[in-house]
Amino acid sequence: MTFLRKWRFPILIASGLIAAGGLVYFANTHVSNSKTQGAIGKRDVYRDGQDNSADVATPGSAPVATQAILESSDYKELAKNQAFQELLQDSSFTKLAGDKAFYQLLSDRSFQEMSQNKLFLELVRTQGFQQSAHQGLLGSMHMQDTRFLELTKLESYNRLMNNARFQNVARNEAFAGLFSSNAFRLNMEQRSFSNLVSNAAFQGILVNGMASGRSSHE
């Protein structure tokens, strides 16, 4: 009894201190975890809400790609070319300008070669060619004029006449008119034009008429 009486109060005090220490440790651990989770939550929210540079300015999309085209040496060379300005005003060209297949055709090497062939230019304007184009028979077109038989010896001609994209575009009534355009022929001879014509941003410039507006301010 003497021993218990002597150490009763110190034991109670020690027990209280241990219990209080446990409560403090538990409280601090809980708060720390809450803060950590809160910080992570905030960080997640910020990450979800922040701008993604790849989405804001995707390479090859307007207006970044368009600005790059406008500042390119090829475009600046074209903008000073009178034939290019005339082409933009050509009704046959504007009617075809919204057709993606038309631009793919302009980028085709066989088409580029044949568009500079005077005999082929004459053939496109003939009634026989236009009838065959509307009927989808260009691949088996019969040459009524012997002058054009020389074309059949050219590999680029044979590839082009069997090109489904060419056959589809040739059905457009504006196609024959385009081949009557001197401005079109001159542009097809321009390296800067052939370098740009396959670029989607440049095609957008042509469709939206931005090219003429840009050149008039320079």
C-alpha atoms as a PDB file:
ATOM      1  CA  MET A   1       0.000   0.000   0.000  1.00  0.00           C
ATOM      2  CA  THR A   2       2.829   2.315   0.890  1.00  0.00           C
ATOM      3  CA  PHE A   3       4.379   1.739  -2.530  1.00  0.00           C
ATOM      4  CA  LEU A   4       1.118   2.428  -4.425  1.00  0.00           C
ATOM      5  CA  ARG A   5       0.414   5.523  -2.399  1.00  0.00           C
ATOM      6  CA  LYS A   6       3.914   6.777  -2.994  1.00  0.00           C
ATOM      7  CA  TRP A   7       3.881   6.316  -6.805  1.00  0.00           C
ATOM      8  CA  ARG A   8       0.146   6.715  -7.525  1.00  0.00           C
ATOM      9  CA  PHE A   9       0.322  10.305  -8.647  1.00  0.00           C
ATOM     10  CA  PRO A  10       3.524  10.004 -10.727  1.00  0.00           C
ATOM     11  CA  ILE A  11       2.038   6.985 -12.545  1.00  0.00           C
ATOM     12  CA  LEU A  12      -1.191   8.856 -13.296  1.00  0.00           C
ATOM     13  CA  ILE A  13       0.735  11.862 -14.532  1.00  0.00           C
ATOM     14  CA  ALA A  14       2.927   9.677 -16.768  1.00  0.00           C
ATOM     15  CA  SER A  15      -0.120   7.890 -18.136  1.00  0.00           C
ATOM     16  CA  GLY A  16      -1.752  11.200 -18.924  1.00  0.00           C
ATOM     17  CA  LEU A  17       1.336  12.435 -20.710  1.00  0.00           C
ATOM     18  CA  ILE A  18       1.506   9.260 -22.814  1.00  0.00           C
ATOM     19  CA  ALA A  19      -2.158   9.543 -23.746  1.00  0.00           C
ATOM     20  CA  ALA A  20      -1.779  13.211 -24.615  1.00  0.00           C
ATOM     21  CA  GLY A  21       1.276  12.423 -26.749  1.00  0.00           C
ATOM     22  CA  GLY A  22      -0.706   9.776 -28.637  1.00  0.00           C
ATOM     23  CA  LEU A  23      -3.515  12.240 -29.343  1.00  0.00           C
ATOM     24  CA  VAL A  24      -1.076  14.871 -30.606  1.00  0.00           C
ATOM     25  CA  TYR A  25       0.660  12.344 -32.884  1.00  0.00           C
ATOM     26  CA  PHE A  26      -2.655  11.109 -34.310  1.00  0.00           C
ATOM     27  CA  ALA A  27      -3.893  14.647 -34.879  1.00  0.00           C
ATOM     28  CA  ASN A  28      -0.708  15.722 -36.632  1.00  0.00           C
ATOM     29  CA  THR A  29      -0.722  12.631 -38.825  1.00  0.00           C
ATOM     30  CA  HIS A  30      -4.348  13.203 -39.848  1.00  0.00           C
ATOM     31  CA  VAL A  31      -3.764  16.891 -40.614  1.00  0.00           C
ATOM     32  CA  SER A  32      -0.617  16.103 -42.575  1.00  0.00           C
ATOM     33  CA  ASN A  33      -2.448  13.544 -44.689  1.00  0.00           C
ATOM     34  CA  SER A  34      -5.327  15.954 -45.311  1.00  0.00           C
ATOM     35  CA  LYS A  35      -2.958  18.697 -46.382  1.00  0.00           C
ATOM     36  CA  THR A  36      -1.101  16.285 -48.641  1.00  0.00           C
ATOM     37  CA  GLN A  37      -4.319  15.110 -50.265  1.00  0.00           C
ATOM     38  CA  GLY A  38      -5.481  18.692 -50.610  1.00  0.00           C
ATOM     39  CA  ALA A  39      -2.238  19.686 -52.255  1.00  0.00           C
ATOM     40  CA  ILE A  40      -2.478  16.756 -54.631  1.00  0.00           C
ATOM     41  CA  GLY A  41      -6.074  17.642 -55.411  1.00  0.00           C
ATOM     42  CA  LYS A  42      -5.143  21.219 -56.146  1.00  0.00           C
ATOM     43  CA  ARG A  43      -2.255  20.080 -58.277  1.00  0.00           C
ATOM     44  CA  ASP A  44      -4.585  17.773 -60.222  1.00  0.00           C
ATOM     45  CA  VAL A  45      -7.073  20.572 -60.766  1.00  0.00           C
ATOM     46  CA  TYR A  46      -4.356  22.873 -62.022  1.00  0.00           C
ATOM     47  CA  ARG A  47      -3.012  20.209 -64.311  1.00  0.00           C
ATOM     48  CA  ASP A  48      -6.456  19.562 -65.785  1.00  0.00           C
ATOM     49  CA  GLY A  49      -7.181  23.235 -66.248  1.00  0.00           C
ATOM     50  CA  GLN A  50      -3.859  24.427 -67.586  1.00  0.00           C
ATOM     51  CA  ASP A  51      -3.264  25.116 -71.276  1.00  0.00           C
ATOM     52  CA  ASN A  52      -1.734  22.393 -73.362  1.00  0.00           C
ATOM     53  CA  SER A  53       0.701  23.943 -75.804  1.00  0.00           C
ATOM     54  CA  ALA A  54       0.192  21.109 -78.269  1.00  0.00           C
ATOM     55  CA  ASP A  55      -3.557  21.893 -78.396  1.00  0.00           C
ATOM     56  CA  VAL A  56      -3.227  25.650 -78.417  1.00  0.00           C
ATOM     57  CA  ALA A  57      -0.775  25.757 -81.302  1.00  0.00           C
ATOM     58  CA  THR A  58      -0.752  22.420 -83.054  1.00  0.00           C
ATOM     59  CA  PRO A  59       2.000  22.318 -85.683  1.00  0.00           C
ATOM     60  CA  GLY A  60       0.528  22.645 -89.147  1.00  0.00           C
ATOM     61  CA  SER A  61      -2.678  24.344 -88.026  1.00  0.00           C
ATOM     62  CA  ALA A  62      -3.885  27.899 -88.581  1.00  0.00           C
ATOM     63  CA  PRO A  63      -2.939  30.578 -87.844  1.00  0.00           C
ATOM     64  CA  VAL A  64       0.617  29.451 -87.064  1.00  0.00           C
ATOM     65  CA  ALA A  65       1.056  27.447 -90.273  1.00  0.00           C
ATOM     66  CA  THR A  66      -0.623  30.162 -92.337  1.00  0.00           C
ATOM     67  CA  GLN A  67       1.694  32.820 -90.970  1.00  0.00           C
ATOM     68  CA  ALA A  68       4.671  30.585 -91.750  1.00  0.00           C
ATOM     69  CA  ILE A  69       3.505  30.281 -95.354  1.00  0.00           C
ATOM     70  CA  LEU A  70       2.982  34.032 -95.704  1.00  0.00           C
ATOM     71  CA  GLU A  71       6.508  34.641 -94.453  1.00  0.00           C
ATOM     72  CA  SER A  72       8.110  31.958 -96.622  1.00  0.00           C
ATOM     73  CA  SER A  73      10.353  32.872 -99.535  1.00  0.00           C
ATOM     74  CA  ASP A  74       8.216  30.797-101.909  1.00  0.00           C
ATOM     75  CA  TYR A  75       5.071  32.742-101.075  1.00  0.00           C
ATOM     76  CA  LYS A  76       6.800  36.111-101.231  1.00  0.00           C
ATOM     77  CA  GLU A  77       8.078  35.199-104.677  1.00  0.00           C
ATOM     78  CA  LEU A  78       4.576  34.211-105.802  1.00  0.00           C
ATOM     79  CA  ALA A  79       2.970  37.336-104.362  1.00  0.00           C
ATOM     80  CA  LYS A  80       5.082  39.457-106.696  1.00  0.00           C
ATOM     81  CA  ASN A  81       4.148  37.331-109.713  1.00  0.00           C
ATOM     82  CA  GLN A  82       1.472  38.865-111.923  1.00  0.00           C
ATOM     83  CA  ALA A  83       0.474  35.441-113.265  1.00  0.00           C
ATOM     84  CA  PHE A  84      -0.286  34.292-109.709  1.00  0.00           C
ATOM     85  CA  GLN A  85      -2.542  37.269-109.116  1.00  0.00           C
ATOM     86  CA  GLU A  86      -4.337  36.568-112.390  1.00  0.00           C
ATOM     87  CA  LEU A  87      -4.792  32.923-111.438  1.00  0.00           C
ATOM     88  CA  LEU A  88      -6.516  33.910-108.194  1.00  0.00           C
ATOM     89  CA  GLN A  89      -9.018  35.892-110.241  1.00  0.00           C
ATOM     90  CA  ASP A  90      -9.580  33.123-112.780  1.00  0.00           C
ATOM     91  CA  SER A  91     -13.149  31.816-112.470  1.00  0.00           C
ATOM     92  CA  SER A  92     -12.171  28.291-113.523  1.00  0.00           C
ATOM     93  CA  PHE A  93      -9.516  28.139-110.819  1.00  0.00           C
ATOM     94  CA  THR A  94     -11.821  29.494-108.107  1.00  0.00           C
ATOM     95  CA  LYS A  95     -14.444  26.864-108.962  1.00  0.00           C
ATOM     96  CA  LEU A  96     -11.889  24.103-108.462  1.00  0.00           C
ATOM     97  CA  ALA A  97     -10.126  25.674-105.485  1.00  0.00           C
ATOM     98  CA  GLY A  98     -12.423  24.064-102.914  1.00  0.00           C
ATOM     99  CA  ASP A  99     -11.738  20.520-104.140  1.00  0.00           C
ATOM    100  CA  LYS A 100      -9.005  18.721-102.167  1.00  0.00           C
ATOM    101  CA  ALA A 101      -8.564  16.226-105.007  1.00  0.00           C
ATOM    102  CA  PHE A 102      -7.671  19.152-107.258  1.00  0.00           C
ATOM    103  CA  TYR A 103      -4.733  20.149-105.042  1.00  0.00           C
ATOM    104  CA  GLN A 104      -3.561  16.561-104.833  1.00  0.00           C
ATOM    105  CA  LEU A 105      -3.637  16.498-108.608  1.00  0.00           C
ATOM    106  CA  LEU A 106      -1.619  19.714-108.827  1.00  0.00           C
ATOM    107  CA  SER A 107       1.043  18.000-106.724  1.00  0.00           C
ATOM    108  CA  ASP A 108       1.154  14.958-109.020  1.00  0.00           C
ATOM    109  CA  ARG A 109       4.365  14.826-111.063  1.00  0.00           C
ATOM    110  CA  SER A 110       2.651  13.392-114.128  1.00  0.00           C
ATOM    111  CA  PHE A 111       0.072  16.166-114.055  1.00  0.00           C
ATOM    112  CA  GLN A 112       2.764  18.799-113.628  1.00  0.00           C
ATOM    113  CA  GLU A 113       4.610  17.469-116.653  1.00  0.00           C
ATOM    114  CA  MET A 114       1.528  17.212-118.863  1.00  0.00           C
ATOM    115  CA  SER A 115       0.217  20.639-117.856  1.00  0.00           C
ATOM    116  CA  GLN A 116       3.284  22.088-119.567  1.00  0.00           C
ATOM    117  CA  ASN A 117       2.851  19.994-122.700  1.00  0.00           C
ATOM    118  CA  LYS A 118       1.291  22.162-125.422  1.00  0.00           C
ATOM    119  CA  LEU A 119      -0.144  19.177-127.263  1.00  0.00           C
ATOM    120  CA  PHE A 120      -1.848  17.962-124.083  1.00  0.00           C
ATOM    121  CA  LEU A 121      -3.248  21.451-123.466  1.00  0.00           C
ATOM    122  CA  GLU A 122      -4.847  21.319-126.908  1.00  0.00           C
ATOM    123  CA  LEU A 123      -6.216  17.829-126.268  1.00  0.00           C
ATOM    124  CA  VAL A 124      -7.957  18.866-123.045  1.00  0.00           C
ATOM    125  CA  ARG A 125      -9.851  21.554-124.919  1.00  0.00           C
ATOM    126  CA  THR A 126     -11.187  19.185-127.578  1.00  0.00           C
ATOM    127  CA  GLN A 127     -14.772  17.974-127.558  1.00  0.00           C
ATOM    128  CA  GLY A 128     -13.630  14.342-127.672  1.00  0.00           C
ATOM    129  CA  PHE A 129     -11.629  14.730-124.443  1.00  0.00           C
ATOM    130  CA  GLN A 130     -14.449  16.490-122.640  1.00  0.00           C
ATOM    131  CA  GLN A 131     -17.004  13.878-123.671  1.00  0.00           C
ATOM    132  CA  SER A 132     -14.710  11.061-122.556  1.00  0.00           C
ATOM    133  CA  ALA A 133     -14.117  12.850-119.234  1.00  0.00           C
ATOM    134  CA  HIS A 134     -17.860  13.211-118.528  1.00  0.00           C
ATOM    135  CA  GLN A 135     -18.404   9.549-119.381  1.00  0.00           C
ATOM    136  CA  GLY A 136     -15.486   8.390-117.255  1.00  0.00           C
ATOM    137  CA  LEU A 137     -13.719   6.886-120.272  1.00  0.00           C
ATOM    138  CA  LEU A 138     -10.439   8.793-120.307  1.00  0.00           C
ATOM    139  CA  GLY A 139      -8.458   5.616-119.708  1.00  0.00           C
ATOM    140  CA  SER A 140      -9.791   4.122-122.952  1.00  0.00           C
ATOM    141  CA  MET A 141     -10.301   7.302-124.946  1.00  0.00           C
ATOM    142  CA  HIS A 142      -9.984   6.872-128.707  1.00  0.00           C
ATOM    143  CA  MET A 143      -7.787   9.460-130.367  1.00  0.00           C
ATOM    144  CA  GLN A 144      -9.843  10.843-133.238  1.00  0.00           C
ATOM    145  CA  ASP A 145      -7.089  13.282-134.160  1.00  0.00           C
ATOM    146  CA  THR A 146      -3.838  11.592-135.135  1.00  0.00           C
ATOM    147  CA  ARG A 147      -1.871  14.616-133.907  1.00  0.00           C
ATOM    148  CA  PHE A 148      -2.427  13.471-130.340  1.00  0.00           C
ATOM    149  CA  LEU A 149      -1.130   9.948-130.890  1.00  0.00           C
ATOM    150  CA  GLU A 150       2.315  11.165-129.875  1.00  0.00           C
ATOM    151  CA  LEU A 151       0.998  11.673-126.364  1.00  0.00           C
ATOM    152  CA  THR A 152       0.259   7.973-125.953  1.00  0.00           C
ATOM    153  CA  LYS A 153       3.989   7.294-126.129  1.00  0.00           C
ATOM    154  CA  LEU A 154       4.589   9.325-122.968  1.00  0.00           C
ATOM    155  CA  GLU A 155       4.658   7.504-119.631  1.00  0.00           C
ATOM    156  CA  SER A 156       3.401  10.547-117.744  1.00  0.00           C
ATOM    157  CA  TYR A 157       0.409  10.809-120.084  1.00  0.00           C
ATOM    158  CA  ASN A 158      -0.585   7.152-119.661  1.00  0.00           C
ATOM    159  CA  ARG A 159      -0.226   7.332-115.866  1.00  0.00           C
ATOM    160  CA  LEU A 160      -2.341  10.465-115.750  1.00  0.00           C
ATOM    161  CA  MET A 161      -5.124   9.180-117.986  1.00  0.00           C
ATOM    162  CA  ASN A 162      -5.504   6.143-115.720  1.00  0.00           C
ATOM    163  CA  ASN A 163      -5.393   8.210-112.549  1.00  0.00           C
ATOM    164  CA  ALA A 164      -8.815   8.074-110.847  1.00  0.00           C
ATOM    165  CA  ARG A 165      -8.235  11.466-109.210  1.00  0.00           C
ATOM    166  CA  PHE A 166      -7.505  13.050-112.592  1.00  0.00           C
ATOM    167  CA  GLN A 167     -10.582  11.424-114.114  1.00  0.00           C
ATOM    168  CA  ASN A 168     -12.826  12.815-111.375  1.00  0.00           C
ATOM    169  CA  VAL A 169     -11.443  16.350-111.541  1.00  0.00           C
ATOM    170  CA  ALA A 170     -11.551  16.343-115.351  1.00  0.00           C
ATOM    171  CA  ARG A 171     -15.336  15.880-115.204  1.00  0.00           C
ATOM    172  CA  ASN A 172     -15.675  19.372-113.789  1.00  0.00           C
ATOM    173  CA  GLU A 173     -16.625  21.815-116.528  1.00  0.00           C
ATOM    174  CA  ALA A 174     -14.145  24.304-115.110  1.00  0.00           C
ATOM    175  CA  PHE A 175     -11.257  21.944-115.812  1.00  0.00           C
ATOM    176  CA  ALA A 176     -11.125  22.592-119.570  1.00  0.00           C
ATOM    177  CA  GLY A 177     -11.413  26.327-118.917  1.00  0.00           C
ATOM    178  CA  LEU A 178      -8.471  26.163-116.536  1.00  0.00           C
ATOM    179  CA  PHE A 179      -6.288  24.624-119.227  1.00  0.00           C
ATOM    180  CA  SER A 180      -7.192  27.532-121.467  1.00  0.00           C
ATOM    181  CA  SER A 181      -5.704  29.898-118.900  1.00  0.00           C
ATOM    182  CA  ASN A 182      -2.237  31.194-119.623  1.00  0.00           C
ATOM    183  CA  ALA A 183      -1.903  32.181-115.962  1.00  0.00           C
ATOM    184  CA  PHE A 184      -2.438  28.562-114.911  1.00  0.00           C
ATOM    185  CA  ARG A 185       0.259  27.305-117.259  1.00  0.00           C
ATOM    186  CA  LEU A 186       2.723  29.934-116.059  1.00  0.00           C
ATOM    187  CA  ASN A 187       2.092  29.073-112.421  1.00  0.00           C
ATOM    188  CA  MET A 188       2.583  25.380-113.053  1.00  0.00           C
ATOM    189  CA  GLU A 189       6.014  26.291-114.384  1.00  0.00           C
ATOM    190  CA  GLN A 190       6.826  28.150-111.158  1.00  0.00           C
ATOM    191  CA  ARG A 191       8.841  26.117-108.668  1.00  0.00           C
ATOM    192  CA  SER A 192       7.528  28.182-105.778  1.00  0.00           C
ATOM    193  CA  PHE A 193       3.940  27.324-106.742  1.00  0.00           C
ATOM    194  CA  SER A 194       4.606  23.579-106.994  1.00  0.00           C
ATOM    195  CA  ASN A 195       6.435  23.701-103.636  1.00  0.00           C
ATOM    196  CA  LEU A 196       3.460  25.266-101.875  1.00  0.00           C
ATOM    197  CA  VAL A 197       0.439  23.770-103.595  1.00  0.00           C
ATOM    198  CA  SER A 198       0.474  20.544-101.539  1.00  0.00           C
ATOM    199  CA  ASN A 199       0.512  22.516 -98.258  1.00  0.00           C
ATOM    200  CA  ALA A 200      -2.902  22.626 -96.534  1.00  0.00           C
ATOM    201  CA  ALA A 201      -2.266  26.116 -95.129  1.00  0.00           C
ATOM    202  CA  PHE A 202      -1.467  27.458 -98.595  1.00  0.00           C
ATOM    203  CA  GLN A 203      -4.622  25.831 -99.953  1.00  0.00           C
ATOM    204  CA  GLY A 204      -6.585  27.634 -97.254  1.00  0.00           C
ATOM    205  CA  ILE A 205      -5.046  30.915 -98.355  1.00  0.00           C
ATOM    206  CA  LEU A 206      -6.181  30.300-101.918  1.00  0.00           C
ATOM    207  CA  VAL A 207      -9.710  29.300-100.908  1.00  0.00           C
ATOM    208  CA  ASN A 208     -10.195  32.243 -98.569  1.00  0.00           C
ATOM    209  CA  GLY A 209      -8.674  34.760-100.940  1.00  0.00           C
ATOM    210  CA  MET A 210      -6.086  35.771 -98.361  1.00  0.00           C
ATOM    211  CA  ALA A 211      -3.271  35.777-100.871  1.00  0.00           C
ATOM    212  CA  SER A 212      -4.474  38.770-102.857  1.00  0.00           C
ATOM    213  CA  GLY A 213      -5.287  40.698 -99.689  1.00  0.00           C
ATOM    214  CA  ARG A 214      -1.875  40.044 -98.223  1.00  0.00           C
ATOM    215  CA  SER A 215       0.033  41.045-101.357  1.00  0.00           C
ATOM    216  CA  SER A 216      -1.905  44.285-101.702  1.00  0.00           C
ATOM    217  CA  HIS A 217      -0.642  45.408 -98.295  1.00  0.00           C
ATOM    218  CA  GLU A 218       3.007  44.639 -98.991  1.00  0.00           C
END
